[in-house]
């Protein structure tokens, strides 16, 4: 059972484990774009998936 942690309907969470340096870099990039770290990472993953799909 998903613990929705107060998220909107249809949303869930994913734990990501990374080096602190990477998190800091991602947070800085998210801040520069004026979006949350979560939103930034979702967009980054979607962009990478699109790129991989179109490179085939």
Protein backbone atom coordinates (compact mmCIF):
# COMPACT_ATOMS: atom_id res chain seq x y z
CA UNK A 1 0.00 0.00 0.00
CA UNK A 2 1.35 3.43 -0.97
CA UNK A 3 1.76 6.01 1.75
CA UNK A 4 0.72 9.08 -0.23
CA UNK A 5 2.29 11.46 2.32
CA UNK A 6 -0.44 14.04 1.72
CA UNK A 7 0.09 14.06 -2.05
CA UNK A 8 -2.64 14.88 -4.54
CA UNK A 9 -4.86 12.12 -5.92
CA UNK A 10 -2.98 9.88 -8.33
CA UNK A 11 0.44 10.91 -7.02
CA UNK A 12 3.00 8.75 -5.22
CA UNK A 13 6.57 9.14 -4.04
CA UNK A 14 9.89 7.56 -4.99
CA UNK A 15 13.01 7.42 -2.85
CA UNK A 16 16.22 8.39 -4.64
CA UNK A 17 19.65 7.72 -3.17
CA UNK A 18 22.52 9.79 -4.53
CA UNK A 19 25.71 11.58 -3.57
CA UNK A 20 25.19 14.84 -1.67
CA UNK A 21 27.11 16.64 -4.40
CA UNK A 22 24.58 15.51 -7.01
CA UNK A 23 21.66 16.55 -4.86
CA UNK A 24 23.22 19.97 -4.33
CA UNK A 25 23.79 20.41 -8.05
CA UNK A 26 20.23 19.31 -8.89
CA UNK A 27 18.81 21.61 -6.22
CA UNK A 28 20.77 24.55 -7.62
CA UNK A 29 19.53 23.83 -11.14
CA UNK A 30 15.94 23.51 -9.86
CA UNK A 31 16.27 26.80 -7.98
CA UNK A 32 17.55 28.51 -11.13
CA UNK A 33 14.44 27.30 -12.97
CA UNK A 34 12.16 28.31 -10.11
CA UNK A 35 10.78 24.81 -9.56
CA UNK A 36 10.94 22.24 -6.79
CA UNK A 37 13.64 19.59 -6.73
CA UNK A 38 10.95 16.95 -7.15
CA UNK A 39 9.52 18.65 -10.23
CA UNK A 40 13.02 19.15 -11.66
CA UNK A 41 13.88 15.46 -11.29
CA UNK A 42 10.59 14.31 -12.82
CA UNK A 43 11.20 16.59 -15.81
CA UNK A 44 14.80 15.38 -16.10
CA UNK A 45 13.71 11.72 -16.10
CA UNK A 46 10.96 12.38 -18.64
CA UNK A 47 13.40 14.24 -20.88
CA UNK A 48 15.90 11.37 -20.69
CA UNK A 49 13.18 8.82 -21.48
CA UNK A 50 12.06 10.87 -24.48
CA UNK A 51 15.66 11.17 -25.68
CA UNK A 52 16.30 7.43 -25.30
CA UNK A 53 13.07 6.61 -27.15
CA UNK A 54 13.92 8.95 -30.02
CA UNK A 55 17.52 7.77 -30.32
CA UNK A 56 16.41 4.22 -31.18
